[in-house]
Amino acid sequence: MQAKDFSIFRSLLTDVHAKAFGEPISKLPHSKAHTLAWLIEEATGVVLSYKSLTNYINAVLEEKPEKVNPSCVTLATLAQFATGEKAGKQMATLWYKYRAGMLSGIAEA
């Protein structure tokens, strides 16, 4: 993953973790990873692997963008969960909307 997108991905996972657990992002023990996967599926209807979620969070915490390459559907699902938006037929656009919002926030800073 490219550095610019990785920083946005880090923010997205931070938002996902905070929404799910009400705490700062941290390593996911096995049971917490399963809980996160279940919460995401309940909210979005999309199944994400608890192992993938664990790997994504570990890569973010270790600052290693080369360790992750999530699909557009995964990114959109995480964005849907974080923002609470309904996906409908335009699910893929949720990641790009989230990304654009983060980039505009960076540009304003």
PDB file of N, CA and C in Angstrom:
ATOM      1  N   MET A   1       0.849  -1.171   0.000  1.00  0.00           N
ATOM      2  CA  MET A   1       0.000   0.000   0.000  1.00  0.00           C
ATOM      3  C   MET A   1       0.897   1.237   0.000  1.00  0.00           C
ATOM      4  N   GLN A   2       0.507   2.246  -0.760  1.00  0.00           N
ATOM      5  CA  GLN A   2       1.288   3.484  -0.833  1.00  0.00           C
ATOM      6  C   GLN A   2       1.206   4.255   0.479  1.00  0.00           C
ATOM      7  N   ALA A   3       2.235   5.038   0.753  1.00  0.00           N
ATOM      8  CA  ALA A   3       2.341   5.750   2.031  1.00  0.00           C
ATOM      9  C   ALA A   3       1.150   6.678   2.280  1.00  0.00           C
ATOM     10  N   LYS A   4       0.712   7.426   1.259  1.00  0.00           N
ATOM     11  CA  LYS A   4      -0.410   8.353   1.431  1.00  0.00           C
ATOM     12  C   LYS A   4      -1.681   7.584   1.806  1.00  0.00           C
ATOM     13  N   ASP A   5      -1.954   6.514   1.093  1.00  0.00           N
ATOM     14  CA  ASP A   5      -3.136   5.716   1.403  1.00  0.00           C
ATOM     15  C   ASP A   5      -2.979   4.984   2.737  1.00  0.00           C
ATOM     16  N   PHE A   6      -1.761   4.614   3.087  1.00  0.00           N
ATOM     17  CA  PHE A   6      -1.545   3.909   4.350  1.00  0.00           C
ATOM     18  C   PHE A   6      -1.896   4.796   5.542  1.00  0.00           C
ATOM     19  N   SER A   7      -1.561   6.068   5.475  1.00  0.00           N
ATOM     20  CA  SER A   7      -1.901   6.955   6.586  1.00  0.00           C
ATOM     21  C   SER A   7      -3.425   7.097   6.715  1.00  0.00           C
ATOM     22  N   ILE A   8      -4.119   7.095   5.598  1.00  0.00           N
ATOM     23  CA  ILE A   8      -5.586   7.156   5.629  1.00  0.00           C
ATOM     24  C   ILE A   8      -6.150   5.823   6.137  1.00  0.00           C
ATOM     25  N   PHE A   9      -5.542   4.734   5.705  1.00  0.00           N
ATOM     26  CA  PHE A   9      -5.935   3.404   6.175  1.00  0.00           C
ATOM     27  C   PHE A   9      -5.746   3.309   7.693  1.00  0.00           C
ATOM     28  N   ARG A  10      -4.658   3.871   8.195  1.00  0.00           N
ATOM     29  CA  ARG A  10      -4.399   3.896   9.636  1.00  0.00           C
ATOM     30  C   ARG A  10      -5.527   4.654  10.355  1.00  0.00           C
ATOM     31  N   SER A  11      -5.909   5.791   9.809  1.00  0.00           N
ATOM     32  CA  SER A  11      -7.002   6.567  10.404  1.00  0.00           C
ATOM     33  C   SER A  11      -8.315   5.788  10.361  1.00  0.00           C
ATOM     34  N   LEU A  12      -8.557   5.110   9.254  1.00  0.00           N
ATOM     35  CA  LEU A  12      -9.778   4.316   9.117  1.00  0.00           C
ATOM     36  C   LEU A  12      -9.820   3.206  10.162  1.00  0.00           C
ATOM     37  N   LEU A  13      -8.722   2.470  10.313  1.00  0.00           N
ATOM     38  CA  LEU A  13      -8.705   1.394  11.300  1.00  0.00           C
ATOM     39  C   LEU A  13      -8.806   1.935  12.723  1.00  0.00           C
ATOM     40  N   THR A  14      -8.234   3.098  12.959  1.00  0.00           N
ATOM     41  CA  THR A  14      -8.364   3.742  14.263  1.00  0.00           C
ATOM     42  C   THR A  14      -9.830   4.062  14.540  1.00  0.00           C
ATOM     43  N   ASP A  15     -10.524   4.579  13.533  1.00  0.00           N
ATOM     44  CA  ASP A  15     -11.953   4.871  13.666  1.00  0.00           C
ATOM     45  C   ASP A  15     -12.772   3.601  13.886  1.00  0.00           C
ATOM     46  N   VAL A  16     -12.446   2.553  13.136  1.00  0.00           N
ATOM     47  CA  VAL A  16     -13.154   1.273  13.265  1.00  0.00           C
ATOM     48  C   VAL A  16     -12.970   0.721  14.679  1.00  0.00           C
ATOM     49  N   HIS A  17     -11.742   0.714  15.143  1.00  0.00           N
ATOM     50  CA  HIS A  17     -11.433   0.172  16.471  1.00  0.00           C
ATOM     51  C   HIS A  17     -12.133   0.988  17.554  1.00  0.00           C
ATOM     52  N   ALA A  18     -12.093   2.306  17.429  1.00  0.00           N
ATOM     53  CA  ALA A  18     -12.735   3.171  18.419  1.00  0.00           C
ATOM     54  C   ALA A  18     -14.249   2.967  18.440  1.00  0.00           C
ATOM     55  N   LYS A  19     -14.847   2.815  17.268  1.00  0.00           N
ATOM     56  CA  LYS A  19     -16.299   2.603  17.210  1.00  0.00           C
ATOM     57  C   LYS A  19     -16.672   1.254  17.828  1.00  0.00           C
ATOM     58  N   ALA A  20     -15.862   0.242  17.551  1.00  0.00           N
ATOM     59  CA  ALA A  20     -16.171  -1.098  18.039  1.00  0.00           C
ATOM     60  C   ALA A  20     -15.935  -1.242  19.538  1.00  0.00           C
ATOM     61  N   PHE A  21     -14.841  -0.669  20.034  1.00  0.00           N
ATOM     62  CA  PHE A  21     -14.437  -0.942  21.404  1.00  0.00           C
ATOM     63  C   PHE A  21     -14.356   0.288  22.305  1.00  0.00           C
ATOM     64  N   GLY A  22     -14.507   1.486  21.721  1.00  0.00           N
ATOM     65  CA  GLY A  22     -14.465   2.696  22.528  1.00  0.00           C
ATOM     66  C   GLY A  22     -13.121   2.971  23.161  1.00  0.00           C
ATOM     67  N   GLU A  23     -12.057   2.561  22.487  1.00  0.00           N
ATOM     68  CA  GLU A  23     -10.711   2.753  23.015  1.00  0.00           C
ATOM     69  C   GLU A  23      -9.731   2.948  21.874  1.00  0.00           C
ATOM     70  N   PRO A  24      -8.525   3.449  22.175  1.00  0.00           N
ATOM     71  CA  PRO A  24      -7.520   3.622  21.115  1.00  0.00           C
ATOM     72  C   PRO A  24      -7.129   2.284  20.492  1.00  0.00           C
ATOM     73  N   ILE A  25      -6.665   2.356  19.266  1.00  0.00           N
ATOM     74  CA  ILE A  25      -6.270   1.147  18.547  1.00  0.00           C
ATOM     75  C   ILE A  25      -5.141   0.429  19.286  1.00  0.00           C
ATOM     76  N   SER A  26      -5.251  -0.883  19.337  1.00  0.00           N
ATOM     77  CA  SER A  26      -4.241  -1.719  19.987  1.00  0.00           C
ATOM     78  C   SER A  26      -4.284  -3.102  19.353  1.00  0.00           C
ATOM     79  N   LYS A  27      -3.301  -3.928  19.704  1.00  0.00           N
ATOM     80  CA  LYS A  27      -3.272  -5.291  19.160  1.00  0.00           C
ATOM     81  C   LYS A  27      -4.577  -6.000  19.492  1.00  0.00           C
ATOM     82  N   LEU A  28      -4.984  -6.860  18.568  1.00  0.00           N
ATOM     83  CA  LEU A  28      -6.239  -7.597  18.753  1.00  0.00           C
ATOM     84  C   LEU A  28      -5.957  -9.018  19.222  1.00  0.00           C
ATOM     85  N   PRO A  29      -6.337  -9.339  20.448  1.00  0.00           N
ATOM     86  CA  PRO A  29      -6.289 -10.748  20.835  1.00  0.00           C
ATOM     87  C   PRO A  29      -7.312 -11.522  20.005  1.00  0.00           C
ATOM     88  N   HIS A  30      -7.158 -12.823  19.984  1.00  0.00           N
ATOM     89  CA  HIS A  30      -8.009 -13.694  19.160  1.00  0.00           C
ATOM     90  C   HIS A  30      -9.499 -13.421  19.367  1.00  0.00           C
ATOM     91  N   SER A  31      -9.943 -13.379  20.600  1.00  0.00           N
ATOM     92  CA  SER A  31     -11.376 -13.193  20.860  1.00  0.00           C
ATOM     93  C   SER A  31     -11.862 -11.807  20.433  1.00  0.00           C
ATOM     94  N   LYS A  32     -11.027 -10.805  20.604  1.00  0.00           N
ATOM     95  CA  LYS A  32     -11.404  -9.453  20.209  1.00  0.00           C
ATOM     96  C   LYS A  32     -11.461  -9.335  18.681  1.00  0.00           C
ATOM     97  N   ALA A  33     -10.580 -10.044  17.984  1.00  0.00           N
ATOM     98  CA  ALA A  33     -10.600 -10.049  16.523  1.00  0.00           C
ATOM     99  C   ALA A  33     -11.893 -10.674  16.011  1.00  0.00           C
ATOM    100  N   HIS A  34     -12.321 -11.760  16.635  1.00  0.00           N
ATOM    101  CA  HIS A  34     -13.593 -12.382  16.266  1.00  0.00           C
ATOM    102  C   HIS A  34     -14.755 -11.429  16.532  1.00  0.00           C
ATOM    103  N   THR A  35     -14.696 -10.743  17.656  1.00  0.00           N
ATOM    104  CA  THR A  35     -15.757  -9.788  18.000  1.00  0.00           C
ATOM    105  C   THR A  35     -15.822  -8.670  16.971  1.00  0.00           C
ATOM    106  N   LEU A  36     -14.665  -8.143  16.577  1.00  0.00           N
ATOM    107  CA  LEU A  36     -14.643  -7.075  15.583  1.00  0.00           C
ATOM    108  C   LEU A  36     -15.222  -7.561  14.258  1.00  0.00           C
ATOM    109  N   ALA A  37     -14.825  -8.745  13.824  1.00  0.00           N
ATOM    110  CA  ALA A  37     -15.359  -9.294  12.574  1.00  0.00           C
ATOM    111  C   ALA A  37     -16.878  -9.440  12.660  1.00  0.00           C
ATOM    112  N   TRP A  38     -17.375  -9.899  13.799  1.00  0.00           N
ATOM    113  CA  TRP A  38     -18.816 -10.059  13.981  1.00  0.00           C
ATOM    114  C   TRP A  38     -19.524  -8.708  13.974  1.00  0.00           C
ATOM    115  N   LEU A  39     -18.973  -7.720  14.682  1.00  0.00           N
ATOM    116  CA  LEU A  39     -19.585  -6.387  14.715  1.00  0.00           C
ATOM    117  C   LEU A  39     -19.668  -5.784  13.312  1.00  0.00           C
ATOM    118  N   ILE A  40     -18.608  -5.949  12.537  1.00  0.00           N
ATOM    119  CA  ILE A  40     -18.594  -5.429  11.168  1.00  0.00           C
ATOM    120  C   ILE A  40     -19.639  -6.137  10.320  1.00  0.00           C
ATOM    121  N   GLU A  41     -19.724  -7.455  10.455  1.00  0.00           N
ATOM    122  CA  GLU A  41     -20.720  -8.193   9.671  1.00  0.00           C
ATOM    123  C   GLU A  41     -22.142  -7.783  10.059  1.00  0.00           C
ATOM    124  N   GLU A  42     -22.403  -7.623  11.344  1.00  0.00           N
ATOM    125  CA  GLU A  42     -23.733  -7.214  11.792  1.00  0.00           C
ATOM    126  C   GLU A  42     -24.110  -5.840  11.244  1.00  0.00           C
ATOM    127  N   ALA A  43     -23.147  -4.936  11.192  1.00  0.00           N
ATOM    128  CA  ALA A  43     -23.433  -3.567  10.762  1.00  0.00           C
ATOM    129  C   ALA A  43     -23.496  -3.417   9.247  1.00  0.00           C
ATOM    130  N   THR A  44     -22.705  -4.225   8.527  1.00  0.00           N
ATOM    131  CA  THR A  44     -22.590  -4.025   7.082  1.00  0.00           C
ATOM    132  C   THR A  44     -23.150  -5.164   6.247  1.00  0.00           C
ATOM    133  N   GLY A  45     -23.251  -6.336   6.824  1.00  0.00           N
ATOM    134  CA  GLY A  45     -23.669  -7.505   6.059  1.00  0.00           C
ATOM    135  C   GLY A  45     -22.532  -8.153   5.297  1.00  0.00           C
ATOM    136  N   VAL A  46     -21.323  -7.656   5.477  1.00  0.00           N
ATOM    137  CA  VAL A  46     -20.154  -8.189   4.774  1.00  0.00           C
ATOM    138  C   VAL A  46     -19.256  -8.905   5.779  1.00  0.00           C
ATOM    139  N   VAL A  47     -18.817 -10.099   5.410  1.00  0.00           N
ATOM    140  CA  VAL A  47     -17.935 -10.873   6.271  1.00  0.00           C
ATOM    141  C   VAL A  47     -16.488 -10.516   5.949  1.00  0.00           C
ATOM    142  N   LEU A  48     -15.762 -10.060   6.984  1.00  0.00           N
ATOM    143  CA  LEU A  48     -14.321  -9.849   6.867  1.00  0.00           C
ATOM    144  C   LEU A  48     -13.636 -10.843   7.791  1.00  0.00           C
ATOM    145  N   SER A  49     -12.554 -11.411   7.342  1.00  0.00           N
ATOM    146  CA  SER A  49     -11.815 -12.391   8.120  1.00  0.00           C
ATOM    147  C   SER A  49     -11.207 -11.761   9.363  1.00  0.00           C
ATOM    148  N   TYR A  50     -11.375 -12.433  10.483  1.00  0.00           N
ATOM    149  CA  TYR A  50     -10.765 -11.935  11.717  1.00  0.00           C
ATOM    150  C   TYR A  50      -9.245 -11.949  11.600  1.00  0.00           C
ATOM    151  N   LYS A  51      -8.711 -12.883  10.822  1.00  0.00           N
ATOM    152  CA  LYS A  51      -7.254 -12.941  10.625  1.00  0.00           C
ATOM    153  C   LYS A  51      -6.775 -11.743   9.818  1.00  0.00           C
ATOM    154  N   SER A  52      -7.511 -11.391   8.796  1.00  0.00           N
ATOM    155  CA  SER A  52      -7.150 -10.218   8.001  1.00  0.00           C
ATOM    156  C   SER A  52      -7.221  -8.954   8.845  1.00  0.00           C
ATOM    157  N   LEU A  53      -8.266  -8.819   9.637  1.00  0.00           N
ATOM    158  CA  LEU A  53      -8.393  -7.654  10.506  1.00  0.00           C
ATOM    159  C   LEU A  53      -7.212  -7.566  11.469  1.00  0.00           C
ATOM    160  N   THR A  54      -6.813  -8.698  12.021  1.00  0.00           N
ATOM    161  CA  THR A  54      -5.650  -8.736  12.912  1.00  0.00           C
ATOM    162  C   THR A  54      -4.398  -8.304  12.164  1.00  0.00           C
ATOM    163  N   ASN A  55      -4.212  -8.826  10.952  1.00  0.00           N
ATOM    164  CA  ASN A  55      -3.037  -8.460  10.156  1.00  0.00           C
ATOM    165  C   ASN A  55      -3.031  -6.976   9.806  1.00  0.00           C
ATOM    166  N   TYR A  56      -4.191  -6.426   9.473  1.00  0.00           N
ATOM    167  CA  TYR A  56      -4.275  -4.999   9.151  1.00  0.00           C
ATOM    168  C   TYR A  56      -3.880  -4.148  10.356  1.00  0.00           C
ATOM    169  N   ILE A  57      -4.421  -4.484  11.500  1.00  0.00           N
ATOM    170  CA  ILE A  57      -4.112  -3.700  12.702  1.00  0.00           C
ATOM    171  C   ILE A  57      -2.645  -3.849  13.084  1.00  0.00           C
ATOM    172  N   ASN A  58      -2.097  -5.056  12.969  1.00  0.00           N
ATOM    173  CA  ASN A  58      -0.672  -5.239  13.265  1.00  0.00           C
ATOM    174  C   ASN A  58       0.191  -4.415  12.321  1.00  0.00           C
ATOM    175  N   ALA A  59      -0.146  -4.392  11.044  1.00  0.00           N
ATOM    176  CA  ALA A  59       0.625  -3.611  10.069  1.00  0.00           C
ATOM    177  C   ALA A  59       0.565  -2.124  10.403  1.00  0.00           C
ATOM    178  N   VAL A  60      -0.594  -1.645  10.807  1.00  0.00           N
ATOM    179  CA  VAL A  60      -0.747  -0.238  11.178  1.00  0.00           C
ATOM    180  C   VAL A  60       0.081   0.078  12.425  1.00  0.00           C
ATOM    181  N   LEU A  61      -0.005  -0.781  13.423  1.00  0.00           N
ATOM    182  CA  LEU A  61       0.737  -0.550  14.660  1.00  0.00           C
ATOM    183  C   LEU A  61       2.252  -0.639  14.440  1.00  0.00           C
ATOM    184  N   GLU A  62       2.667  -1.481  13.501  1.00  0.00           N
ATOM    185  CA  GLU A  62       4.094  -1.640  13.194  1.00  0.00           C
ATOM    186  C   GLU A  62       4.575  -0.662  12.132  1.00  0.00           C
ATOM    187  N   GLU A  63       3.656   0.145  11.576  1.00  0.00           N
ATOM    188  CA  GLU A  63       3.991   1.103  10.508  1.00  0.00           C
ATOM    189  C   GLU A  63       4.623   0.402   9.291  1.00  0.00           C
ATOM    190  N   LYS A  64       3.979  -0.665   8.825  1.00  0.00           N
ATOM    191  CA  LYS A  64       4.501  -1.440   7.700  1.00  0.00           C
ATOM    192  C   LYS A  64       3.465  -1.544   6.584  1.00  0.00           C
ATOM    193  N   PRO A  65       3.425  -0.517   5.715  1.00  0.00           N
ATOM    194  CA  PRO A  65       2.423  -0.531   4.643  1.00  0.00           C
ATOM    195  C   PRO A  65       2.607  -1.680   3.662  1.00  0.00           C
ATOM    196  N   GLU A  66       3.804  -2.201   3.541  1.00  0.00           N
ATOM    197  CA  GLU A  66       4.046  -3.297   2.596  1.00  0.00           C
ATOM    198  C   GLU A  66       3.385  -4.600   3.048  1.00  0.00           C
ATOM    199  N   LYS A  67       2.936  -4.667   4.284  1.00  0.00           N
ATOM    200  CA  LYS A  67       2.321  -5.885   4.812  1.00  0.00           C
ATOM    201  C   LYS A  67       0.834  -5.985   4.518  1.00  0.00           C
ATOM    202  N   VAL A  68       0.241  -4.927   3.944  1.00  0.00           N
ATOM    203  CA  VAL A  68      -1.195  -4.961   3.687  1.00  0.00           C
ATOM    204  C   VAL A  68      -1.518  -4.548   2.258  1.00  0.00           C
ATOM    205  N   ASN A  69      -2.553  -5.160   1.743  1.00  0.00           N
ATOM    206  CA  ASN A  69      -3.065  -4.816   0.421  1.00  0.00           C
ATOM    207  C   ASN A  69      -4.561  -5.151   0.388  1.00  0.00           C
ATOM    208  N   PRO A  70      -5.368  -4.409   1.174  1.00  0.00           N
ATOM    209  CA  PRO A  70      -6.797  -4.729   1.237  1.00  0.00           C
ATOM    210  C   PRO A  70      -7.504  -4.429  -0.074  1.00  0.00           C
ATOM    211  N   SER A  71      -8.525  -5.206  -0.350  1.00  0.00           N
ATOM    212  CA  SER A  71      -9.316  -4.992  -1.558  1.00  0.00           C
ATOM    213  C   SER A  71     -10.187  -3.752  -1.389  1.00  0.00           C
ATOM    214  N   CYS A  72     -10.706  -3.273  -2.492  1.00  0.00           N
ATOM    215  CA  CYS A  72     -11.604  -2.114  -2.467  1.00  0.00           C
ATOM    216  C   CYS A  72     -12.860  -2.429  -1.658  1.00  0.00           C
ATOM    217  N   VAL A  73     -13.353  -3.649  -1.746  1.00  0.00           N
ATOM    218  CA  VAL A  73     -14.547  -4.040  -0.987  1.00  0.00           C
ATOM    219  C   VAL A  73     -14.247  -4.011   0.509  1.00  0.00           C
ATOM    220  N   THR A  74     -13.067  -4.484   0.904  1.00  0.00           N
ATOM    221  CA  THR A  74     -12.686  -4.446   2.316  1.00  0.00           C
ATOM    222  C   THR A  74     -12.593  -3.016   2.809  1.00  0.00           C
ATOM    223  N   LEU A  75     -11.956  -2.153   2.030  1.00  0.00           N
ATOM    224  CA  LEU A  75     -11.829  -0.746   2.407  1.00  0.00           C
ATOM    225  C   LEU A  75     -13.203  -0.086   2.528  1.00  0.00           C
ATOM    226  N   ALA A  76     -14.076  -0.380   1.573  1.00  0.00           N
ATOM    227  CA  ALA A  76     -15.428   0.188   1.602  1.00  0.00           C
ATOM    228  C   ALA A  76     -16.212  -0.329   2.804  1.00  0.00           C
ATOM    229  N   THR A  77     -16.045  -1.601   3.131  1.00  0.00           N
ATOM    230  CA  THR A  77     -16.740  -2.182   4.275  1.00  0.00           C
ATOM    231  C   THR A  77     -16.276  -1.531   5.573  1.00  0.00           C
ATOM    232  N   LEU A  78     -14.968  -1.351   5.715  1.00  0.00           N
ATOM    233  CA  LEU A  78     -14.433  -0.688   6.902  1.00  0.00           C
ATOM    234  C   LEU A  78     -14.928   0.756   6.986  1.00  0.00           C
ATOM    235  N   ALA A  79     -14.957   1.442   5.842  1.00  0.00           N
ATOM    236  CA  ALA A  79     -15.454   2.822   5.820  1.00  0.00           C
ATOM    237  C   ALA A  79     -16.938   2.865   6.175  1.00  0.00           C
ATOM    238  N   GLN A  80     -17.697   1.908   5.669  1.00  0.00           N
ATOM    239  CA  GLN A  80     -19.128   1.849   5.995  1.00  0.00           C
ATOM    240  C   GLN A  80     -19.314   1.643   7.490  1.00  0.00           C
ATOM    241  N   PHE A  81     -18.554   0.740   8.067  1.00  0.00           N
ATOM    242  CA  PHE A  81     -18.670   0.488   9.504  1.00  0.00           C
ATOM    243  C   PHE A  81     -18.290   1.735  10.306  1.00  0.00           C
ATOM    244  N   ALA A  82     -17.186   2.365   9.923  1.00  0.00           N
ATOM    245  CA  ALA A  82     -16.683   3.526  10.669  1.00  0.00           C
ATOM    246  C   ALA A  82     -17.634   4.715  10.595  1.00  0.00           C
ATOM    247  N   THR A  83     -18.214   4.931   9.422  1.00  0.00           N
ATOM    248  CA  THR A  83     -19.050   6.123   9.233  1.00  0.00           C
ATOM    249  C   THR A  83     -20.531   5.872   9.491  1.00  0.00           C
ATOM    250  N   GLY A  84     -20.947   4.613   9.427  1.00  0.00           N
ATOM    251  CA  GLY A  84     -22.351   4.293   9.614  1.00  0.00           C
ATOM    252  C   GLY A  84     -23.200   4.564   8.389  1.00  0.00           C
ATOM    253  N   GLU A  85     -22.575   4.904   7.258  1.00  0.00           N
ATOM    254  CA  GLU A  85     -23.327   5.156   6.025  1.00  0.00           C
ATOM    255  C   GLU A  85     -23.876   3.864   5.456  1.00  0.00           C
ATOM    256  N   LYS A  86     -24.981   3.980   4.766  1.00  0.00           N
ATOM    257  CA  LYS A  86     -25.549   2.830   4.063  1.00  0.00           C
ATOM    258  C   LYS A  86     -24.846   2.697   2.723  1.00  0.00           C
ATOM    259  N   ALA A  87     -24.553   1.473   2.328  1.00  0.00           N
ATOM    260  CA  ALA A  87     -23.766   1.258   1.122  1.00  0.00           C
ATOM    261  C   ALA A  87     -24.610   1.205  -0.142  1.00  0.00           C
ATOM    262  N   GLY A  88     -25.606   0.355  -0.158  1.00  0.00           N
ATOM    263  CA  GLY A  88     -26.397   0.191  -1.372  1.00  0.00           C
ATOM    264  C   GLY A  88     -25.531  -0.297  -2.528  1.00  0.00           C
ATOM    265  N   LYS A  89     -25.870   0.143  -3.723  1.00  0.00           N
ATOM    266  CA  LYS A  89     -25.142  -0.289  -4.916  1.00  0.00           C
ATOM    267  C   LYS A  89     -23.813   0.435  -5.067  1.00  0.00           C
ATOM    268  N   GLN A  90     -23.634   1.513  -4.354  1.00  0.00           N
ATOM    269  CA  GLN A  90     -22.424   2.327  -4.490  1.00  0.00           C
ATOM    270  C   GLN A  90     -21.409   2.036  -3.384  1.00  0.00           C
ATOM    271  N   MET A  91     -21.324   0.802  -2.943  1.00  0.00           N
ATOM    272  CA  MET A  91     -20.460   0.456  -1.825  1.00  0.00           C
ATOM    273  C   MET A  91     -19.009   0.883  -2.043  1.00  0.00           C
ATOM    274  N   ALA A  92     -18.480   0.645  -3.213  1.00  0.00           N
ATOM    275  CA  ALA A  92     -17.074   0.954  -3.477  1.00  0.00           C
ATOM    276  C   ALA A  92     -16.754   2.428  -3.269  1.00  0.00           C
ATOM    277  N   THR A  93     -17.723   3.281  -3.440  1.00  0.00           N
ATOM    278  CA  THR A  93     -17.463   4.711  -3.299  1.00  0.00           C
ATOM    279  C   THR A  93     -17.244   5.136  -1.852  1.00  0.00           C
ATOM    280  N   LEU A  94     -17.650   4.303  -0.887  1.00  0.00           N
ATOM    281  CA  LEU A  94     -17.503   4.682   0.515  1.00  0.00           C
ATOM    282  C   LEU A  94     -16.038   4.890   0.908  1.00  0.00           C
ATOM    283  N   TRP A  95     -15.158   4.020   0.429  1.00  0.00           N
ATOM    284  CA  TRP A  95     -13.727   4.188   0.709  1.00  0.00           C
ATOM    285  C   TRP A  95     -13.222   5.489   0.091  1.00  0.00           C
ATOM    286  N   TYR A  96     -13.625   5.757  -1.133  1.00  0.00           N
ATOM    287  CA  TYR A  96     -13.142   6.956  -1.810  1.00  0.00           C
ATOM    288  C   TYR A  96     -13.697   8.227  -1.165  1.00  0.00           C
ATOM    289  N   LYS A  97     -14.927   8.175  -0.666  1.00  0.00           N
ATOM    290  CA  LYS A  97     -15.482   9.315   0.070  1.00  0.00           C
ATOM    291  C   LYS A  97     -14.707   9.536   1.366  1.00  0.00           C
ATOM    292  N   TYR A  98     -14.428   8.454   2.090  1.00  0.00           N
ATOM    293  CA  TYR A  98     -13.669   8.547   3.337  1.00  0.00           C
ATOM    294  C   TYR A  98     -12.274   9.104   3.042  1.00  0.00           C
ATOM    295  N   ARG A  99     -11.637   8.559   2.010  1.00  0.00           N
ATOM    296  CA  ARG A  99     -10.283   8.983   1.612  1.00  0.00           C
ATOM    297  C   ARG A  99     -10.266  10.459   1.227  1.00  0.00           C
ATOM    298  N   ALA A 100     -11.241  10.877   0.430  1.00  0.00           N
ATOM    299  CA  ALA A 100     -11.309  12.278  -0.001  1.00  0.00           C
ATOM    300  C   ALA A 100     -11.492  13.204   1.190  1.00  0.00           C
ATOM    301  N   GLY A 101     -12.321  12.799   2.128  1.00  0.00           N
ATOM    302  CA  GLY A 101     -12.522  13.600   3.335  1.00  0.00           C
ATOM    303  C   GLY A 101     -11.253  13.726   4.152  1.00  0.00           C
ATOM    304  N   MET A 102     -10.505  12.642   4.252  1.00  0.00           N
ATOM    305  CA  MET A 102      -9.237  12.686   4.987  1.00  0.00           C
ATOM    306  C   MET A 102      -8.214  13.542   4.248  1.00  0.00           C
ATOM    307  N   LEU A 103      -8.143  13.409   2.936  1.00  0.00           N
ATOM    308  CA  LEU A 103      -7.186  14.194   2.162  1.00  0.00           C
ATOM    309  C   LEU A 103      -7.508  15.683   2.219  1.00  0.00           C
ATOM    310  N   SER A 104      -8.792  16.016   2.199  1.00  0.00           N
ATOM    311  CA  SER A 104      -9.138  17.437   2.300  1.00  0.00           C
ATOM    312  C   SER A 104      -8.808  17.968   3.681  1.00  0.00           C
ATOM    313  N   GLY A 105      -8.954  17.131   4.699  1.00  0.00           N
ATOM    314  CA  GLY A 105      -8.584  17.527   6.053  1.00  0.00           C
ATOM    315  C   GLY A 105      -7.083  17.741   6.196  1.00  0.00           C
ATOM    316  N   ILE A 106      -6.294  16.926   5.494  1.00  0.00           N
ATOM    317  CA  ILE A 106      -4.834  17.062   5.512  1.00  0.00           C
ATOM    318  C   ILE A 106      -4.439  18.337   4.781  1.00  0.00           C
ATOM    319  N   ALA A 107      -5.113  18.613   3.679  1.00  0.00           N
ATOM    320  CA  ALA A 107      -4.794  19.802   2.891  1.00  0.00           C
ATOM    321  C   ALA A 107      -5.103  21.075   3.667  1.00  0.00           C
ATOM    322  N   GLU A 108      -6.142  21.046   4.490  1.00  0.00           N
ATOM    323  CA  GLU A 108      -6.536  22.219   5.266  1.00  0.00           C
ATOM    324  C   GLU A 108      -5.616  22.454   6.456  1.00  0.00           C
ATOM    325  N   ALA A 109      -4.959  21.399   6.931  1.00  0.00           N
ATOM    326  CA  ALA A 109      -4.107  21.516   8.130  1.00  0.00           C
ATOM    327  C   ALA A 109      -2.828  22.278   7.866  1.00  0.00           C
TER     328      ALA A 109
END
